[in-house]
Amino acid sequence: MVIFSHPTGNANVRAAALGLLEKNILSSFHTSISTFPGDFLYRVGGLGPLAELRRRSFDIELRGKTTMTPWKELGRIASLKSGLRKFVEHEK
């Protein structure tokens, strides 16, 4: 069994997670934010400034294997959208 993790879940990661699930070797998938068609976060992502949420959409088959830890990523997105870039600057 495989525990799979990625902070944002790009297209390659979504395909890999689904492939692992289809081969029945995915134990769990961990990411910061995930939405699934029809769920609350996906519907909220239809509102202008929250469109970023829909970019984190995964195949509905992964729902039962997915664990989210969204708070830091939501804070990062909110900081960027509100122009508070000093909260997401790299350390110097």
PDB file of N, CA and C in Angstrom:
ATOM      1  N   MET A   1       0.838  -1.186   0.000  1.00  0.00           N
ATOM      2  CA  MET A   1       0.000   0.000   0.000  1.00  0.00           C
ATOM      3  C   MET A   1       0.880   1.245   0.000  1.00  0.00           C
ATOM      4  N   VAL A   2       0.383   2.309  -0.637  1.00  0.00           N
ATOM      5  CA  VAL A   2       1.136   3.548  -0.804  1.00  0.00           C
ATOM      6  C   VAL A   2       0.392   4.692  -0.128  1.00  0.00           C
ATOM      7  N   ILE A   3       1.140   5.483   0.653  1.00  0.00           N
ATOM      8  CA  ILE A   3       0.630   6.746   1.178  1.00  0.00           C
ATOM      9  C   ILE A   3       1.232   7.818   0.283  1.00  0.00           C
ATOM     10  N   PHE A   4       0.392   8.602  -0.366  1.00  0.00           N
ATOM     11  CA  PHE A   4       0.818   9.571  -1.370  1.00  0.00           C
ATOM     12  C   PHE A   4       0.513  10.969  -0.861  1.00  0.00           C
ATOM     13  N   SER A   5       1.446  11.903  -1.092  1.00  0.00           N
ATOM     14  CA  SER A   5       1.271  13.256  -0.573  1.00  0.00           C
ATOM     15  C   SER A   5       1.807  14.284  -1.556  1.00  0.00           C
ATOM     16  N   HIS A   6       1.111  15.411  -1.661  1.00  0.00           N
ATOM     17  CA  HIS A   6       1.568  16.552  -2.451  1.00  0.00           C
ATOM     18  C   HIS A   6       0.834  17.785  -1.946  1.00  0.00           C
ATOM     19  N   PRO A   7       1.542  18.919  -1.771  1.00  0.00           N
ATOM     20  CA  PRO A   7       0.886  20.089  -1.181  1.00  0.00           C
ATOM     21  C   PRO A   7      -0.217  20.707  -2.028  1.00  0.00           C
ATOM     22  N   THR A   8      -0.063  20.693  -3.353  1.00  0.00           N
ATOM     23  CA  THR A   8      -1.073  21.377  -4.170  1.00  0.00           C
ATOM     24  C   THR A   8      -1.820  20.462  -5.125  1.00  0.00           C
ATOM     25  N   GLY A   9      -1.257  19.351  -5.492  1.00  0.00           N
ATOM     26  CA  GLY A   9      -1.970  18.412  -6.349  1.00  0.00           C
ATOM     27  C   GLY A   9      -2.132  18.863  -7.781  1.00  0.00           C
ATOM     28  N   ASN A  10      -1.022  19.039  -8.497  1.00  0.00           N
ATOM     29  CA  ASN A  10      -1.105  19.440  -9.900  1.00  0.00           C
ATOM     30  C   ASN A  10      -1.668  18.301 -10.753  1.00  0.00           C
ATOM     31  N   ALA A  11      -1.768  18.525 -12.054  1.00  0.00           N
ATOM     32  CA  ALA A  11      -2.390  17.538 -12.949  1.00  0.00           C
ATOM     33  C   ALA A  11      -1.668  16.191 -12.907  1.00  0.00           C
ATOM     34  N   ASN A  12      -0.345  16.207 -12.840  1.00  0.00           N
ATOM     35  CA  ASN A  12       0.406  14.951 -12.783  1.00  0.00           C
ATOM     36  C   ASN A  12       0.125  14.196 -11.488  1.00  0.00           C
ATOM     37  N   VAL A  13       0.046  14.910 -10.400  1.00  0.00           N
ATOM     38  CA  VAL A  13      -0.237  14.299  -9.106  1.00  0.00           C
ATOM     39  C   VAL A  13      -1.649  13.716  -9.090  1.00  0.00           C
ATOM     40  N   ARG A  14      -2.613  14.458  -9.639  1.00  0.00           N
ATOM     41  CA  ARG A  14      -3.994  13.944  -9.691  1.00  0.00           C
ATOM     42  C   ARG A  14      -4.057  12.645 -10.486  1.00  0.00           C
ATOM     43  N   ALA A  15      -3.342  12.607 -11.612  1.00  0.00           N
ATOM     44  CA  ALA A  15      -3.338  11.394 -12.436  1.00  0.00           C
ATOM     45  C   ALA A  15      -2.650  10.235 -11.708  1.00  0.00           C
ATOM     46  N   ALA A  16      -1.540  10.523 -11.029  1.00  0.00           N
ATOM     47  CA  ALA A  16      -0.822   9.475 -10.298  1.00  0.00           C
ATOM     48  C   ALA A  16      -1.680   8.920  -9.161  1.00  0.00           C
ATOM     49  N   ALA A  17      -2.332   9.799  -8.410  1.00  0.00           N
ATOM     50  CA  ALA A  17      -3.187   9.354  -7.303  1.00  0.00           C
ATOM     51  C   ALA A  17      -4.330   8.478  -7.819  1.00  0.00           C
ATOM     52  N   LEU A  18      -4.936   8.893  -8.918  1.00  0.00           N
ATOM     53  CA  LEU A  18      -6.021   8.108  -9.490  1.00  0.00           C
ATOM     54  C   LEU A  18      -5.507   6.758 -10.004  1.00  0.00           C
ATOM     55  N   GLY A  19      -4.319   6.751 -10.607  1.00  0.00           N
ATOM     56  CA  GLY A  19      -3.724   5.500 -11.073  1.00  0.00           C
ATOM     57  C   GLY A  19      -3.441   4.538  -9.930  1.00  0.00           C
ATOM     58  N   LEU A  20      -2.912   5.065  -8.834  1.00  0.00           N
ATOM     59  CA  LEU A  20      -2.668   4.224  -7.652  1.00  0.00           C
ATOM     60  C   LEU A  20      -3.973   3.658  -7.100  1.00  0.00           C
ATOM     61  N   LEU A  21      -5.005   4.488  -7.103  1.00  0.00           N
ATOM     62  CA  LEU A  21      -6.310   4.028  -6.623  1.00  0.00           C
ATOM     63  C   LEU A  21      -6.862   2.925  -7.521  1.00  0.00           C
ATOM     64  N   GLU A  22      -6.748   3.126  -8.823  1.00  0.00           N
ATOM     65  CA  GLU A  22      -7.271   2.137  -9.773  1.00  0.00           C
ATOM     66  C   GLU A  22      -6.541   0.805  -9.672  1.00  0.00           C
ATOM     67  N   LYS A  23      -5.253   0.848  -9.294  1.00  0.00           N
ATOM     68  CA  LYS A  23      -4.482  -0.389  -9.102  1.00  0.00           C
ATOM     69  C   LYS A  23      -4.694  -0.973  -7.708  1.00  0.00           C
ATOM     70  N   ASN A  24      -5.525  -0.296  -6.928  1.00  0.00           N
ATOM     71  CA  ASN A  24      -5.870  -0.734  -5.573  1.00  0.00           C
ATOM     72  C   ASN A  24      -4.656  -0.801  -4.640  1.00  0.00           C
ATOM     73  N   ILE A  25      -3.728   0.165  -4.808  1.00  0.00           N
ATOM     74  CA  ILE A  25      -2.560   0.204  -3.932  1.00  0.00           C
ATOM     75  C   ILE A  25      -2.454   1.536  -3.180  1.00  0.00           C
ATOM     76  N   LEU A  26      -3.449   2.405  -3.325  1.00  0.00           N
ATOM     77  CA  LEU A  26      -3.433   3.687  -2.617  1.00  0.00           C
ATOM     78  C   LEU A  26      -4.046   3.512  -1.237  1.00  0.00           C
ATOM     79  N   SER A  27      -3.221   3.728  -0.219  1.00  0.00           N
ATOM     80  CA  SER A  27      -3.723   3.664   1.152  1.00  0.00           C
ATOM     81  C   SER A  27      -4.407   4.983   1.505  1.00  0.00           C
ATOM     82  N   SER A  28      -3.706   6.104   1.221  1.00  0.00           N
ATOM     83  CA  SER A  28      -4.293   7.416   1.471  1.00  0.00           C
ATOM     84  C   SER A  28      -3.558   8.472   0.655  1.00  0.00           C
ATOM     85  N   PHE A  29      -4.254   9.573   0.401  1.00  0.00           N
ATOM     86  CA  PHE A  29      -3.678  10.710  -0.315  1.00  0.00           C
ATOM     87  C   PHE A  29      -3.826  11.936   0.576  1.00  0.00           C
ATOM     88  N   HIS A  30      -2.719  12.631   0.811  1.00  0.00           N
ATOM     89  CA  HIS A  30      -2.702  13.796   1.687  1.00  0.00           C
ATOM     90  C   HIS A  30      -2.326  15.035   0.885  1.00  0.00           C
ATOM     91  N   THR A  31      -3.099  16.097   1.049  1.00  0.00           N
ATOM     92  CA  THR A  31      -2.846  17.353   0.348  1.00  0.00           C
ATOM     93  C   THR A  31      -3.352  18.512   1.193  1.00  0.00           C
ATOM     94  N   SER A  32      -3.010  19.723   0.775  1.00  0.00           N
ATOM     95  CA  SER A  32      -3.448  20.886   1.554  1.00  0.00           C
ATOM     96  C   SER A  32      -4.936  21.154   1.334  1.00  0.00           C
ATOM     97  N   ILE A  33      -5.333  21.304   0.086  1.00  0.00           N
ATOM     98  CA  ILE A  33      -6.741  21.599  -0.239  1.00  0.00           C
ATOM     99  C   ILE A  33      -7.175  20.683  -1.366  1.00  0.00           C
ATOM    100  N   SER A  34      -8.309  20.066  -1.197  1.00  0.00           N
ATOM    101  CA  SER A  34      -8.885  19.266  -2.281  1.00  0.00           C
ATOM    102  C   SER A  34     -10.384  19.531  -2.342  1.00  0.00           C
ATOM    103  N   THR A  35     -10.871  19.636  -3.549  1.00  0.00           N
ATOM    104  CA  THR A  35     -12.316  19.743  -3.748  1.00  0.00           C
ATOM    105  C   THR A  35     -12.744  18.607  -4.663  1.00  0.00           C
ATOM    106  N   PHE A  36     -14.006  18.279  -4.576  1.00  0.00           N
ATOM    107  CA  PHE A  36     -14.573  17.225  -5.410  1.00  0.00           C
ATOM    108  C   PHE A  36     -15.873  17.758  -5.995  1.00  0.00           C
ATOM    109  N   PRO A  37     -16.142  17.466  -7.274  1.00  0.00           N
ATOM    110  CA  PRO A  37     -17.370  17.978  -7.899  1.00  0.00           C
ATOM    111  C   PRO A  37     -18.593  17.734  -7.020  1.00  0.00           C
ATOM    112  N   GLY A  38     -19.328  18.816  -6.768  1.00  0.00           N
ATOM    113  CA  GLY A  38     -20.558  18.738  -6.000  1.00  0.00           C
ATOM    114  C   GLY A  38     -20.406  19.039  -4.517  1.00  0.00           C
ATOM    115  N   ASP A  39     -19.160  19.013  -3.981  1.00  0.00           N
ATOM    116  CA  ASP A  39     -19.028  19.279  -2.549  1.00  0.00           C
ATOM    117  C   ASP A  39     -19.045  20.791  -2.268  1.00  0.00           C
ATOM    118  N   PHE A  40     -19.079  21.159  -0.997  1.00  0.00           N
ATOM    119  CA  PHE A  40     -19.208  22.551  -0.587  1.00  0.00           C
ATOM    120  C   PHE A  40     -18.073  23.422  -1.130  1.00  0.00           C
ATOM    121  N   LEU A  41     -16.825  22.982  -0.956  1.00  0.00           N
ATOM    122  CA  LEU A  41     -15.692  23.786  -1.416  1.00  0.00           C
ATOM    123  C   LEU A  41     -15.710  23.971  -2.927  1.00  0.00           C
ATOM    124  N   TYR A  42     -16.123  22.961  -3.652  1.00  0.00           N
ATOM    125  CA  TYR A  42     -16.210  23.063  -5.108  1.00  0.00           C
ATOM    126  C   TYR A  42     -17.256  24.108  -5.502  1.00  0.00           C
ATOM    127  N   ARG A  43     -18.399  24.092  -4.841  1.00  0.00           N
ATOM    128  CA  ARG A  43     -19.461  25.071  -5.147  1.00  0.00           C
ATOM    129  C   ARG A  43     -19.014  26.483  -4.785  1.00  0.00           C
ATOM    130  N   VAL A  44     -18.355  26.648  -3.643  1.00  0.00           N
ATOM    131  CA  VAL A  44     -17.854  27.957  -3.228  1.00  0.00           C
ATOM    132  C   VAL A  44     -16.799  28.456  -4.219  1.00  0.00           C
ATOM    133  N   GLY A  45     -16.054  27.536  -4.814  1.00  0.00           N
ATOM    134  CA  GLY A  45     -15.052  27.896  -5.810  1.00  0.00           C
ATOM    135  C   GLY A  45     -15.637  28.530  -7.055  1.00  0.00           C
ATOM    136  N   GLY A  46     -16.932  28.494  -7.208  1.00  0.00           N
ATOM    137  CA  GLY A  46     -17.587  29.150  -8.333  1.00  0.00           C
ATOM    138  C   GLY A  46     -17.708  30.652  -8.146  1.00  0.00           C
ATOM    139  N   LEU A  47     -17.435  31.138  -6.942  1.00  0.00           N
ATOM    140  CA  LEU A  47     -17.474  32.574  -6.659  1.00  0.00           C
ATOM    141  C   LEU A  47     -16.137  33.186  -7.046  1.00  0.00           C
ATOM    142  N   GLY A  48     -16.159  34.295  -7.746  1.00  0.00           N
ATOM    143  CA  GLY A  48     -14.988  34.951  -8.306  1.00  0.00           C
ATOM    144  C   GLY A  48     -13.675  34.813  -7.552  1.00  0.00           C
ATOM    145  N   PRO A  49     -13.530  35.436  -6.386  1.00  0.00           N
ATOM    146  CA  PRO A  49     -12.229  35.416  -5.715  1.00  0.00           C
ATOM    147  C   PRO A  49     -11.830  34.046  -5.167  1.00  0.00           C
ATOM    148  N   LEU A  50     -12.745  33.114  -5.131  1.00  0.00           N
ATOM    149  CA  LEU A  50     -12.436  31.782  -4.601  1.00  0.00           C
ATOM    150  C   LEU A  50     -12.225  30.735  -5.702  1.00  0.00           C
ATOM    151  N   ALA A  51     -12.067  31.213  -6.926  1.00  0.00           N
ATOM    152  CA  ALA A  51     -11.907  30.304  -8.067  1.00  0.00           C
ATOM    153  C   ALA A  51     -10.693  29.394  -7.916  1.00  0.00           C
ATOM    154  N   GLU A  52      -9.716  29.809  -7.128  1.00  0.00           N
ATOM    155  CA  GLU A  52      -8.523  28.998  -6.870  1.00  0.00           C
ATOM    156  C   GLU A  52      -8.897  27.613  -6.332  1.00  0.00           C
ATOM    157  N   LEU A  53     -10.000  27.534  -5.608  1.00  0.00           N
ATOM    158  CA  LEU A  53     -10.419  26.248  -5.043  1.00  0.00           C
ATOM    159  C   LEU A  53     -10.736  25.222  -6.126  1.00  0.00           C
ATOM    160  N   ARG A  54     -11.311  25.661  -7.218  1.00  0.00           N
ATOM    161  CA  ARG A  54     -11.665  24.710  -8.282  1.00  0.00           C
ATOM    162  C   ARG A  54     -10.431  24.151  -8.984  1.00  0.00           C
ATOM    163  N   ARG A  55      -9.324  24.856  -8.879  1.00  0.00           N
ATOM    164  CA  ARG A  55      -8.078  24.338  -9.448  1.00  0.00           C
ATOM    165  C   ARG A  55      -7.575  23.145  -8.643  1.00  0.00           C
ATOM    166  N   ARG A  56      -8.102  22.962  -7.456  1.00  0.00           N
ATOM    167  CA  ARG A  56      -7.702  21.853  -6.575  1.00  0.00           C
ATOM    168  C   ARG A  56      -8.728  20.722  -6.630  1.00  0.00           C
ATOM    169  N   SER A  57      -9.403  20.578  -7.751  1.00  0.00           N
ATOM    170  CA  SER A  57     -10.448  19.575  -7.896  1.00  0.00           C
ATOM    171  C   SER A  57      -9.855  18.212  -8.256  1.00  0.00           C
ATOM    172  N   PHE A  58     -10.334  17.184  -7.567  1.00  0.00           N
ATOM    173  CA  PHE A  58      -9.875  15.817  -7.790  1.00  0.00           C
ATOM    174  C   PHE A  58     -11.041  14.942  -8.213  1.00  0.00           C
ATOM    175  N   ASP A  59     -10.726  13.811  -8.815  1.00  0.00           N
ATOM    176  CA  ASP A  59     -11.740  12.837  -9.215  1.00  0.00           C
ATOM    177  C   ASP A  59     -12.504  12.373  -7.975  1.00  0.00           C
ATOM    178  N   ILE A  60     -13.796  12.257  -8.114  1.00  0.00           N
ATOM    179  CA  ILE A  60     -14.674  11.902  -6.997  1.00  0.00           C
ATOM    180  C   ILE A  60     -14.281  10.553  -6.370  1.00  0.00           C
ATOM    181  N   GLU A  61     -13.668   9.670  -7.148  1.00  0.00           N
ATOM    182  CA  GLU A  61     -13.272   8.360  -6.638  1.00  0.00           C
ATOM    183  C   GLU A  61     -12.206   8.460  -5.546  1.00  0.00           C
ATOM    184  N   LEU A  62     -11.460   9.579  -5.511  1.00  0.00           N
ATOM    185  CA  LEU A  62     -10.402   9.764  -4.512  1.00  0.00           C
ATOM    186  C   LEU A  62     -10.917  10.297  -3.178  1.00  0.00           C
ATOM    187  N   ARG A  63     -12.161  10.696  -3.131  1.00  0.00           N
ATOM    188  CA  ARG A  63     -12.704  11.352  -1.930  1.00  0.00           C
ATOM    189  C   ARG A  63     -12.458  10.539  -0.655  1.00  0.00           C
ATOM    190  N   GLY A  64     -12.740   9.277  -0.663  1.00  0.00           N
ATOM    191  CA  GLY A  64     -12.616   8.455   0.534  1.00  0.00           C
ATOM    192  C   GLY A  64     -11.184   8.212   0.991  1.00  0.00           C
ATOM    193  N   LYS A  65     -10.218   8.468   0.126  1.00  0.00           N
ATOM    194  CA  LYS A  65      -8.810   8.241   0.455  1.00  0.00           C
ATOM    195  C   LYS A  65      -8.063   9.546   0.747  1.00  0.00           C
ATOM    196  N   THR A  66      -8.737  10.691   0.615  1.00  0.00           N
ATOM    197  CA  THR A  66      -8.071  11.987   0.700  1.00  0.00           C
ATOM    198  C   THR A  66      -8.198  12.621   2.073  1.00  0.00           C
ATOM    199  N   THR A  67      -7.071  13.131   2.565  1.00  0.00           N
ATOM    200  CA  THR A  67      -7.008  13.871   3.817  1.00  0.00           C
ATOM    201  C   THR A  67      -6.469  15.267   3.517  1.00  0.00           C
ATOM    202  N   MET A  68      -7.157  16.286   4.033  1.00  0.00           N
ATOM    203  CA  MET A  68      -6.730  17.672   3.816  1.00  0.00           C
ATOM    204  C   MET A  68      -6.180  18.274   5.095  1.00  0.00           C
ATOM    205  N   THR A  69      -5.191  19.153   4.926  1.00  0.00           N
ATOM    206  CA  THR A  69      -4.712  20.036   5.996  1.00  0.00           C
ATOM    207  C   THR A  69      -4.638  21.438   5.376  1.00  0.00           C
ATOM    208  N   PRO A  70      -5.771  22.140   5.310  1.00  0.00           N
ATOM    209  CA  PRO A  70      -5.891  23.333   4.471  1.00  0.00           C
ATOM    210  C   PRO A  70      -5.478  24.672   5.068  1.00  0.00           C
ATOM    211  N   TRP A  71      -5.298  24.792   6.361  1.00  0.00           N
ATOM    212  CA  TRP A  71      -5.234  26.123   6.970  1.00  0.00           C
ATOM    213  C   TRP A  71      -4.071  26.971   6.501  1.00  0.00           C
ATOM    214  N   LYS A  72      -2.881  26.432   6.410  1.00  0.00           N
ATOM    215  CA  LYS A  72      -1.741  27.239   5.954  1.00  0.00           C
ATOM    216  C   LYS A  72      -1.910  27.656   4.492  1.00  0.00           C
ATOM    217  N   GLU A  73      -2.379  26.742   3.667  1.00  0.00           N
ATOM    218  CA  GLU A  73      -2.562  27.066   2.252  1.00  0.00           C
ATOM    219  C   GLU A  73      -3.685  28.080   2.064  1.00  0.00           C
ATOM    220  N   LEU A  74      -4.764  27.956   2.820  1.00  0.00           N
ATOM    221  CA  LEU A  74      -5.831  28.959   2.740  1.00  0.00           C
ATOM    222  C   LEU A  74      -5.320  30.332   3.162  1.00  0.00           C
ATOM    223  N   GLY A  75      -4.471  30.372   4.186  1.00  0.00           N
ATOM    224  CA  GLY A  75      -3.870  31.629   4.622  1.00  0.00           C
ATOM    225  C   GLY A  75      -2.964  32.214   3.556  1.00  0.00           C
ATOM    226  N   ARG A  76      -2.187  31.355   2.897  1.00  0.00           N
ATOM    227  CA  ARG A  76      -1.302  31.812   1.830  1.00  0.00           C
ATOM    228  C   ARG A  76      -2.099  32.399   0.675  1.00  0.00           C
ATOM    229  N   ILE A  77      -3.151  31.707   0.264  1.00  0.00           N
ATOM    230  CA  ILE A  77      -3.992  32.186  -0.846  1.00  0.00           C
ATOM    231  C   ILE A  77      -4.670  33.499  -0.464  1.00  0.00           C
ATOM    232  N   ALA A  78      -5.208  33.566   0.742  1.00  0.00           N
ATOM    233  CA  ALA A  78      -5.874  34.795   1.193  1.00  0.00           C
ATOM    234  C   ALA A  78      -4.893  35.967   1.233  1.00  0.00           C
ATOM    235  N   SER A  79      -3.673  35.725   1.691  1.00  0.00           N
ATOM    236  CA  SER A  79      -2.662  36.782   1.735  1.00  0.00           C
ATOM    237  C   SER A  79      -2.342  37.296   0.339  1.00  0.00           C
ATOM    238  N   LEU A  80      -2.172  36.382  -0.604  1.00  0.00           N
ATOM    239  CA  LEU A  80      -1.864  36.796  -1.968  1.00  0.00           C
ATOM    240  C   LEU A  80      -3.021  37.561  -2.600  1.00  0.00           C
ATOM    241  N   LYS A  81      -4.238  37.072  -2.424  1.00  0.00           N
ATOM    242  CA  LYS A  81      -5.412  37.715  -3.022  1.00  0.00           C
ATOM    243  C   LYS A  81      -5.691  39.085  -2.424  1.00  0.00           C
ATOM    244  N   SER A  82      -5.329  39.278  -1.158  1.00  0.00           N
ATOM    245  CA  SER A  82      -5.606  40.560  -0.510  1.00  0.00           C
ATOM    246  C   SER A  82      -4.423  41.522  -0.582  1.00  0.00           C
ATOM    247  N   GLY A  83      -3.357  41.111  -1.260  1.00  0.00           N
ATOM    248  CA  GLY A  83      -2.209  41.997  -1.430  1.00  0.00           C
ATOM    249  C   GLY A  83      -1.257  42.036  -0.250  1.00  0.00           C
ATOM    250  N   LEU A  84      -1.405  41.143   0.694  1.00  0.00           N
ATOM    251  CA  LEU A  84      -0.533  41.102   1.874  1.00  0.00           C
ATOM    252  C   LEU A  84       0.642  40.161   1.627  1.00  0.00           C
ATOM    253  N   ARG A  85       1.438  40.483   0.641  1.00  0.00           N
ATOM    254  CA  ARG A  85       2.522  39.603   0.199  1.00  0.00           C
ATOM    255  C   ARG A  85       3.619  39.412   1.244  1.00  0.00           C
ATOM    256  N   LYS A  86       3.737  40.323   2.201  1.00  0.00           N
ATOM    257  CA  LYS A  86       4.794  40.182   3.204  1.00  0.00           C
ATOM    258  C   LYS A  86       4.612  38.922   4.048  1.00  0.00           C
ATOM    259  N   PHE A  87       3.387  38.402   4.093  1.00  0.00           N
ATOM    260  CA  PHE A  87       3.138  37.189   4.869  1.00  0.00           C
ATOM    261  C   PHE A  87       3.569  35.920   4.137  1.00  0.00           C
ATOM    262  N   VAL A  88       3.861  36.035   2.852  1.00  0.00           N
ATOM    263  CA  VAL A  88       4.251  34.853   2.080  1.00  0.00           C
ATOM    264  C   VAL A  88       5.619  35.015   1.429  1.00  0.00           C
ATOM    265  N   GLU A  89       6.398  36.007   1.860  1.00  0.00           N
ATOM    266  CA  GLU A  89       7.747  36.198   1.333  1.00  0.00           C
ATOM    267  C   GLU A  89       8.660  35.069   1.801  1.00  0.00           C
ATOM    268  N   HIS A  90       9.642  34.754   0.957  1.00  0.00           N
ATOM    269  CA  HIS A  90      10.646  33.783   1.356  1.00  0.00           C
ATOM    270  C   HIS A  90      11.545  34.390   2.408  1.00  0.00           C
ATOM    271  N   GLU A  91      12.062  33.551   3.278  1.00  0.00           N
ATOM    272  CA  GLU A  91      12.960  34.027   4.319  1.00  0.00           C
ATOM    273  C   GLU A  91      14.269  34.504   3.691  1.00  0.00           C
ATOM    274  N   LYS A  92      14.891  35.472   4.338  1.00  0.00           N
ATOM    275  CA  LYS A  92      16.169  36.000   3.834  1.00  0.00           C
ATOM    276  C   LYS A  92      17.245  35.795   4.858  1.00  0.00           C
TER     277      LYS A  92
END
